[in-house]
Amino acid sequence: MATVEHPTETLLTLTPGAAAKIRELLAEEPDGDTLVLRVAIQGGGCSGFQYGLGFDSGPAEGDLELELEGVPVVVDPFSAPYLRGATIDYLNTISESGFKIDNPNAASSCGCGHSFTVAEGEAPEDAGYGCGSSCSH
């Protein structure tokens, strides 16, 4: 298991609602008891980066491994600095439904809520920018 650089800081937080929804989704998967939640950022999206949430068969070499609200979570080392302190929530209201990430590292976010940008000088040189398919302007 890889360790977090600053053990006193929380890398990620799952709200109880998000954890319950993830456990519900895992229960629907045939191999759900062996899967982990992978949280990542990728270049792209309207604002520069976009979030990736999905199930994976396990950690890859170098991944940070976490246990959040009873959910096994992995984060790759590239994504970790951009997710430090973020909270993953699940909303199910009349106007909004789905996972929402509150990220203190985001300098601004796209209206779709699926992409964000960081302060100037914080993004790696190879981060791809441009509007992703999940947003419309």
Foldseek 3Di string as FASTA:
>chain_A
DDDDPDNVFAQEAEDLQRVVVLVVVLVVDPPSVQKAWEWFWAAEAAAGIFIDIDIDNDDDPQWDWDQYNNGIYTYHPVGRVQRTPKYWYADDDPVDGGIAIDTPQFPAADPLRGDGDGPPPPDDPPRHYDHDPSDDD
